[in-house]
Protein backbone atom coordinates (compact mmCIF):
# COMPACT_ATOMS: atom_id res chain seq x y z
CA MET A 1 -0.51 27.14 -66.02
CA ARG A 2 -3.69 25.24 -66.63
CA LYS A 3 -1.80 21.88 -65.99
CA PHE A 4 -0.49 23.34 -62.78
CA VAL A 5 -3.88 24.27 -61.31
CA VAL A 6 -5.44 20.92 -62.50
CA GLY A 7 -2.67 19.16 -60.66
CA LEU A 8 -3.39 21.09 -57.49
CA LEU A 9 -7.07 20.36 -57.65
CA CYS A 10 -6.38 16.56 -58.25
CA SER A 11 -4.04 16.63 -55.33
CA ALA A 12 -6.75 18.11 -53.05
CA ALA A 13 -9.16 15.73 -54.03
CA LEU A 14 -6.89 12.81 -52.73
CA SER A 15 -6.43 14.35 -49.32
CA PHE A 16 -8.60 15.59 -46.51
CA PRO A 17 -8.00 17.99 -43.67
CA ALA A 18 -5.53 16.42 -41.03
CA PHE A 19 -6.45 19.22 -38.64
CA ALA A 20 -10.16 19.62 -38.95
CA ASP A 21 -12.69 18.57 -36.36
CA VAL A 22 -12.84 14.97 -37.05
CA ALA A 23 -13.57 11.49 -35.39
CA TYR A 24 -11.81 8.26 -36.51
CA VAL A 25 -13.65 5.02 -36.14
CA SER A 26 -12.00 1.63 -36.09
CA ASN A 27 -14.07 -1.17 -37.79
CA GLU A 28 -13.48 -4.73 -37.21
CA LYS A 29 -15.06 -5.92 -40.53
CA GLY A 30 -13.51 -2.88 -42.33
CA GLY A 31 -10.92 -0.11 -42.09
CA VAL A 32 -11.17 3.26 -40.26
CA SER A 33 -14.16 5.71 -40.95
CA VAL A 34 -13.41 9.50 -40.89
CA ILE A 35 -16.29 11.42 -39.80
CA ASP A 36 -16.51 15.40 -40.23
CA LEU A 37 -17.95 16.53 -37.03
CA SER A 38 -19.35 19.83 -38.27
CA THR A 39 -21.62 17.58 -40.31
CA LEU A 40 -21.87 14.38 -38.55
CA LYS A 41 -21.20 12.78 -41.90
CA VAL A 42 -18.62 10.12 -43.05
CA VAL A 43 -16.04 11.78 -45.26
CA LYS A 44 -13.67 9.04 -46.07
CA ASP A 45 -13.32 5.25 -45.58
CA ILE A 46 -9.60 4.12 -45.03
CA GLU A 47 -9.32 0.71 -46.21
CA LEU A 48 -6.69 -1.64 -44.23
CA GLY A 49 -7.34 -5.11 -45.50
CA ASP A 50 -8.44 -7.97 -43.68
CA VAL A 51 -6.74 -7.01 -40.30
CA THR A 52 -9.60 -6.86 -37.82
CA PRO A 53 -8.69 -3.13 -36.11
CA ARG A 54 -9.75 -2.49 -32.63
CA GLY A 55 -7.80 -0.18 -30.75
CA ILE A 56 -7.36 3.28 -32.12
CA GLY A 57 -5.39 6.36 -31.20
CA VAL A 58 -4.37 9.59 -32.76
CA THR A 59 -0.94 11.36 -32.26
CA LYS A 60 -0.49 14.58 -30.44
CA ASP A 61 0.08 16.55 -33.64
CA GLY A 62 -2.77 14.69 -35.49
CA ALA A 63 -0.37 13.57 -38.13
CA PHE A 64 -0.95 9.96 -37.84
CA VAL A 65 -3.86 7.57 -36.74
CA LEU A 66 -2.92 4.17 -35.37
CA THR A 67 -4.86 1.15 -35.32
CA ALA A 68 -4.15 -2.13 -33.40
CA ASN A 69 -4.92 -5.14 -35.73
CA LYS A 70 -5.73 -8.42 -33.96
CA LYS A 71 -5.53 -10.53 -37.00
CA THR A 72 -2.25 -9.59 -38.29
CA ASP A 73 -0.32 -8.86 -35.09
CA ASP A 74 0.53 -5.47 -36.00
CA ILE A 75 -0.46 -1.63 -35.92
CA SER A 76 -1.15 0.33 -39.07
CA VAL A 77 0.18 3.94 -39.32
CA ILE A 78 -1.99 5.98 -41.36
CA ASP A 79 -1.09 9.46 -42.44
CA THR A 80 -4.08 11.68 -41.90
CA LYS A 81 -3.33 14.11 -44.75
CA THR A 82 -3.42 11.48 -47.37
CA GLY A 83 -5.56 8.76 -45.68
CA GLU A 84 -2.80 6.16 -46.54
CA VAL A 85 -1.15 3.35 -44.55
CA VAL A 86 2.85 4.51 -44.55
CA ARG A 87 3.86 1.63 -42.40
CA LYS A 88 2.92 -1.31 -40.10
CA VAL A 89 4.76 -2.24 -36.65
CA HIS A 90 4.64 -6.00 -35.54
CA VAL A 91 3.71 -5.77 -31.91
CA GLY A 92 2.85 -9.38 -30.95
CA ASP A 93 -0.06 -11.88 -30.85
CA GLY A 94 -3.48 -10.37 -30.84
CA PRO A 95 -3.14 -6.55 -30.13
CA GLU A 96 -6.29 -5.05 -28.94
CA PHE A 97 -6.20 -1.75 -26.82
CA LEU A 98 -3.90 1.19 -27.75
CA ARG A 99 -3.15 4.26 -25.96
CA ILE A 100 -0.91 7.08 -26.89
CA LEU A 101 1.10 9.10 -24.58
CA GLY A 102 3.66 11.91 -25.81
CA ASP A 103 5.95 10.28 -28.22
CA PHE A 104 5.01 6.70 -27.57
CA ALA A 105 2.18 4.28 -28.17
CA TYR A 106 1.28 1.59 -25.77
CA VAL A 107 -0.50 -1.68 -27.32
CA THR A 108 -1.62 -4.75 -25.40
CA SER A 109 -0.49 -7.95 -26.97
CA GLU A 110 -2.74 -11.08 -25.81
CA PRO A 111 -1.20 -14.57 -26.64
CA GLY A 112 -3.75 -16.40 -24.33
CA GLY A 113 -6.77 -15.53 -26.27
CA ARG A 114 -10.33 -14.75 -24.64
CA ARG A 115 -11.74 -16.64 -21.95
CA ASP A 116 -15.43 -17.16 -21.91
CA GLU A 117 -17.46 -19.24 -19.29
CA GLY A 118 -14.46 -21.34 -18.73
CA LYS A 119 -13.60 -21.94 -22.59
CA VAL A 120 -10.25 -20.45 -23.95
CA GLU A 121 -9.82 -19.48 -27.47
CA ASN A 122 -6.26 -20.67 -27.47
CA GLU A 123 -5.65 -23.55 -25.22
CA ASP A 124 -1.84 -23.96 -26.02
CA LYS A 125 -1.39 -20.48 -24.80
CA ALA A 126 -3.94 -20.17 -22.31
CA GLU A 127 -1.43 -19.38 -19.41
CA GLU A 128 0.78 -16.93 -21.22
CA HIS A 129 0.83 -13.66 -19.91
CA ALA A 130 -0.20 -10.46 -22.14
CA GLN A 131 2.02 -7.79 -22.54
CA ILE A 132 2.16 -3.85 -23.02
CA VAL A 133 4.34 -3.15 -26.09
CA GLN A 134 5.90 0.37 -26.17
CA VAL A 135 6.44 1.97 -29.40
CA ASP A 136 8.57 4.97 -30.25
CA LEU A 137 6.47 7.14 -32.52
CA LYS A 138 9.49 8.90 -33.88
CA THR A 139 11.48 5.80 -34.96
CA TRP A 140 8.54 3.50 -35.24
CA LYS A 141 10.50 0.92 -33.21
CA VAL A 142 9.30 -1.34 -30.40
CA VAL A 143 11.09 0.04 -27.27
CA LYS A 144 10.17 -2.39 -24.63
CA SER A 145 7.47 -5.02 -23.72
CA ILE A 146 6.03 -5.13 -20.09
CA LYS A 147 4.62 -8.43 -19.11
CA THR A 148 1.12 -8.06 -17.64
CA GLY A 149 -1.59 -10.32 -16.32
CA LEU A 150 -3.61 -12.68 -18.29
CA GLU A 151 -5.89 -11.41 -21.00
CA THR A 152 -5.04 -7.56 -20.57
CA GLU A 153 -7.79 -5.31 -21.93
CA GLY A 154 -7.76 -1.58 -20.70
CA LEU A 155 -4.82 0.69 -20.37
CA GLU A 156 -4.54 3.93 -18.43
CA PHE A 157 -1.69 6.35 -17.20
CA SER A 158 -1.15 8.07 -13.63
CA PRO A 159 -1.51 11.82 -14.01
CA ASP A 160 2.42 12.26 -13.76
CA GLY A 161 2.86 9.93 -16.66
CA LYS A 162 5.20 7.67 -14.53
CA HIS A 163 2.95 4.57 -14.47
CA ILE A 164 0.64 2.55 -16.67
CA LEU A 165 -2.10 0.51 -15.40
CA ALA A 166 -3.65 -2.55 -16.86
CA THR A 167 -6.92 -4.26 -16.43
CA ASN A 168 -6.58 -8.09 -16.69
CA GLU A 169 -9.58 -9.92 -17.30
CA GLY A 170 -8.02 -13.57 -17.29
CA ASP A 171 -6.65 -13.49 -13.61
CA GLU A 172 -9.13 -10.63 -12.21
CA THR A 173 -6.48 -8.05 -11.51
CA VAL A 174 -5.52 -4.50 -12.23
CA THR A 175 -1.72 -4.27 -12.36
CA VAL A 176 0.42 -1.00 -12.05
CA TYR A 177 3.90 -0.67 -13.82
CA ASP A 178 6.54 1.81 -13.81
CA ILE A 179 7.00 2.86 -17.39
CA ALA A 180 10.76 3.60 -17.32
CA SER A 181 11.70 0.42 -15.91
CA GLY A 182 8.77 -1.80 -16.78
CA LYS A 183 8.83 -3.11 -12.97
CA LEU A 184 5.61 -4.16 -11.27
CA VAL A 185 4.35 -1.43 -8.78
CA LYS A 186 1.32 -2.99 -7.38
CA THR A 187 -1.31 -5.57 -7.96
CA VAL A 188 -5.03 -4.99 -7.11
CA SER A 189 -7.23 -7.97 -7.05
CA ASN A 190 -10.90 -7.29 -7.89
CA LYS A 191 -12.11 -10.75 -6.99
CA GLU A 192 -14.00 -9.71 -3.96
CA HIS A 193 -15.68 -6.99 -5.77
CA GLY A 194 -16.78 -8.34 -9.35
CA LYS A 195 -15.58 -10.14 -12.34
CA ARG A 196 -13.71 -9.24 -15.67
CA PRO A 197 -12.17 -5.83 -15.34
CA ARG A 198 -12.49 -3.97 -18.67
CA GLY A 199 -12.35 -0.22 -18.90
CA ILE A 200 -10.12 2.12 -16.74
CA TYR A 201 -10.00 5.82 -16.40
CA ALA A 202 -8.19 8.23 -14.27
CA PHE A 203 -10.22 10.99 -12.47
CA PRO A 204 -9.64 14.40 -13.84
CA ASP A 205 -8.38 15.72 -10.50
CA GLY A 206 -5.84 12.95 -9.99
CA SER A 207 -7.87 11.56 -6.90
CA GLY A 208 -8.20 7.95 -8.43
CA TYR A 209 -9.24 5.69 -11.09
CA ALA A 210 -12.48 4.05 -12.27
CA VAL A 211 -12.43 0.36 -13.35
CA THR A 212 -15.46 -1.30 -15.04
CA LEU A 213 -16.20 -4.82 -14.21
CA GLU A 214 -17.89 -6.25 -17.09
CA THR A 215 -19.48 -9.73 -16.01
CA SER A 216 -20.65 -8.76 -12.64
CA GLY A 217 -21.58 -5.02 -13.21
CA GLY A 218 -20.04 -2.25 -11.34
CA VAL A 219 -17.41 0.25 -11.35
CA MET A 220 -14.50 -0.40 -8.81
CA ILE A 221 -13.05 3.06 -7.53
CA LEU A 222 -9.28 3.04 -6.59
CA ASP A 223 -7.74 6.05 -4.85
CA ALA A 224 -4.46 7.61 -6.12
CA LYS A 225 -2.46 5.04 -4.42
CA TYR A 226 -4.21 2.34 -6.25
CA ASP A 227 -6.21 0.97 -3.15
CA PHE A 228 -9.71 -0.06 -3.14
CA VAL A 229 -12.37 2.69 -2.16
CA LYS A 230 -15.67 1.45 -3.05
CA LEU A 231 -17.80 -0.33 -5.87
CA LEU A 232 -20.47 1.61 -7.57
CA PRO A 233 -23.34 -0.36 -9.03
CA THR A 234 -23.94 -0.18 -12.84
CA LYS A 235 -26.40 -1.66 -15.33
CA LEU A 236 -25.40 -5.03 -17.02
CA GLY A 237 -21.99 -5.19 -19.15
CA PRO A 238 -20.21 -1.91 -18.08
CA ASN A 239 -17.24 -1.44 -20.38
CA GLY A 240 -15.87 2.04 -21.71
CA VAL A 241 -15.61 4.76 -18.90
CA ALA A 242 -14.51 8.21 -19.09
CA PHE A 243 -15.30 11.66 -17.58
CA ASP A 244 -16.77 14.76 -19.24
CA PRO A 245 -14.40 17.71 -19.96
CA THR A 246 -15.45 19.34 -16.79
CA GLY A 247 -14.82 16.46 -14.50
CA LYS A 248 -18.42 16.89 -13.08
CA HIS A 249 -19.93 13.69 -14.70
CA MET A 250 -18.57 10.01 -15.23
CA LEU A 251 -19.90 8.21 -18.04
CA VAL A 252 -20.08 4.40 -18.28
CA ALA A 253 -21.17 2.44 -21.25
CA ALA A 254 -23.47 -0.54 -20.06
CA SER A 255 -23.20 -2.45 -23.09
CA ARG A 256 -25.34 -5.29 -22.34
CA ALA A 257 -27.87 -2.91 -21.03
CA GLY A 258 -28.03 -0.80 -24.24
CA LEU A 259 -27.43 2.35 -22.01
CA LEU A 260 -24.86 5.04 -21.40
CA GLN A 261 -25.02 5.83 -17.76
CA VAL A 262 -24.13 9.38 -16.39
CA PHE A 263 -23.03 9.59 -12.82
CA ASP A 264 -22.20 12.45 -10.63
CA ALA A 265 -18.44 12.42 -10.33
CA LYS A 266 -18.46 13.30 -6.68
CA THR A 267 -21.74 11.63 -5.20
CA PHE A 268 -21.77 8.86 -7.76
CA ALA A 269 -25.66 9.31 -7.85
CA VAL A 270 -27.16 8.49 -11.32
CA VAL A 271 -27.89 11.53 -13.34
CA LYS A 272 -29.30 10.07 -16.42
CA GLU A 273 -29.42 6.77 -18.59
CA VAL A 274 -29.28 7.06 -22.30
CA GLU A 275 -30.60 4.30 -24.43
CA ILE A 276 -28.02 3.49 -27.13
CA GLY A 277 -27.46 0.40 -29.41
CA LYS A 278 -26.03 -3.20 -28.97
CA ARG A 279 -22.34 -3.92 -28.17
CA CYS A 280 -21.44 -0.16 -27.60
CA TRP A 281 -18.17 -0.47 -26.01
CA HIS A 282 -16.33 2.97 -26.58
CA PHE A 283 -17.29 6.59 -26.89
CA THR A 284 -15.82 10.10 -27.01
CA TYR A 285 -16.88 13.70 -26.41
CA THR A 286 -16.17 15.93 -29.50
CA PRO A 287 -13.36 18.43 -29.03
CA ASP A 288 -15.85 21.07 -28.25
CA GLY A 289 -17.65 19.31 -25.69
CA SER A 290 -21.01 19.59 -27.17
CA LYS A 291 -21.75 16.24 -28.23
CA ILE A 292 -20.96 12.57 -27.23
CA LEU A 293 -20.20 9.84 -30.02
CA VAL A 294 -20.97 5.98 -29.01
CA ALA A 295 -19.50 3.22 -31.42
CA CYS A 296 -22.37 0.39 -31.42
CA GLY A 297 -20.89 -2.77 -33.07
CA ARG A 298 -24.03 -4.93 -33.24
CA THR A 299 -26.43 -2.09 -34.37
CA ASP A 300 -24.00 -0.90 -37.05
CA ASP A 301 -24.06 2.74 -36.21
CA LEU A 302 -22.51 5.50 -34.09
CA ARG A 303 -25.07 7.00 -31.60
CA VAL A 304 -24.78 11.07 -31.35
CA ILE A 305 -25.67 12.39 -27.84
CA ASP A 306 -26.22 15.89 -26.87
CA ALA A 307 -23.72 16.66 -24.12
CA LYS A 308 -25.82 19.25 -22.46
CA ASP A 309 -28.93 17.29 -21.71
CA PHE A 310 -27.90 13.90 -22.76
CA THR A 311 -30.48 13.44 -25.32
CA PRO A 312 -30.11 11.46 -28.49
CA VAL A 313 -29.34 13.67 -31.51
CA ALA A 314 -28.51 11.14 -34.33
CA SER A 315 -27.37 7.88 -35.73
CA ILE A 316 -24.57 7.58 -38.12
CA PRO A 317 -24.79 4.41 -40.01
CA ASP A 318 -21.58 2.10 -39.94
CA LYS A 319 -22.09 -1.44 -40.93
CA LYS A 320 -18.54 -2.38 -40.64
CA LEU A 321 -18.73 -3.61 -36.71
CA PRO A 322 -17.58 -0.35 -35.12
CA TRP A 323 -15.15 -1.00 -32.09
CA GLY A 324 -13.52 2.15 -31.12
CA LEU A 325 -13.23 6.04 -31.82
CA VAL A 326 -11.21 8.93 -31.20
CA THR A 327 -11.18 12.47 -32.24
CA TYR A 328 -8.91 15.23 -33.46
CA PRO A 329 -8.28 17.56 -31.75
CA LYS A 330 -8.15 15.13 -28.94
CA ALA A 331 -11.28 14.96 -26.70
CA TYR A 332 -12.12 13.11 -23.44
CA GLY A 333 -13.30 9.81 -24.26
CA SER A 334 -13.16 6.06 -23.02
CA LEU A 335 -9.89 5.65 -25.50
CA ASP A 336 -8.16 9.07 -25.09
CA ARG A 337 -8.05 12.45 -23.41
CA PRO A 338 -6.69 15.98 -24.42
């Protein structure tokens, strides 16, 4: 009997709750950090090896966390009960952005590399289109690949789940695809309004989409039919964008300005600007809506902000270059939504 009890204790020590209020953080210079949201403490570090994880998502049942690994051209599938990588799925060159909808994951693959002031990381593949790779979460097989624009960055879904939208930095477009057929539905150019589309998020009421324009600054507002409505000025380097759980506020991570900007979602007036760290690209609300966590890669921490009055609460150290973060239960954030 004593051996049985000891065995249970040992087994419990090797796992952590899969369904507790937790945040999962992808670290480019490490693996995945697991944060207990009741204590705001890191309770586990999941090692992935030298893979450079960026995009991150959690399945609808909380059983698995997925990371898009830029260096190894695959996604890691992590069992949230054990913290172990149970499989890897090859998805193509340089995967970066990852979103999960229902029983499928959608991952960007970017063979062309990054463009920076006329220079290209991968000259021999400079004009190769990126792809959205669809992975079945039941069979862990690649179902299809949808050819997108150049240097695809952000992904979002239409409210009815029929379309997937992609922001393409390399050719300054937002493209819309029918998920079932993979066919192009519409191309929206942002050249008249700004440069380098990055984040994209659907309005909670289904009325349209917000697209951040990183280099020029600003948020391009599209309506439900993907037509341009207006350009909203922001501070420098807008990247991640999302809405609060009530739909009252739109939040934008102005990464180069070191600010989290809060806008009225109806009038687009600035409600508050919160000082954050450096290279803070992505953020999420906690599942209860009480706090906002922001991943700040160049200041080696996660900033915690009170969601009621938008005041800083705490800083959680993270010296592994944090990139993205999601929670379980799922919450509103620049990489996910309930």
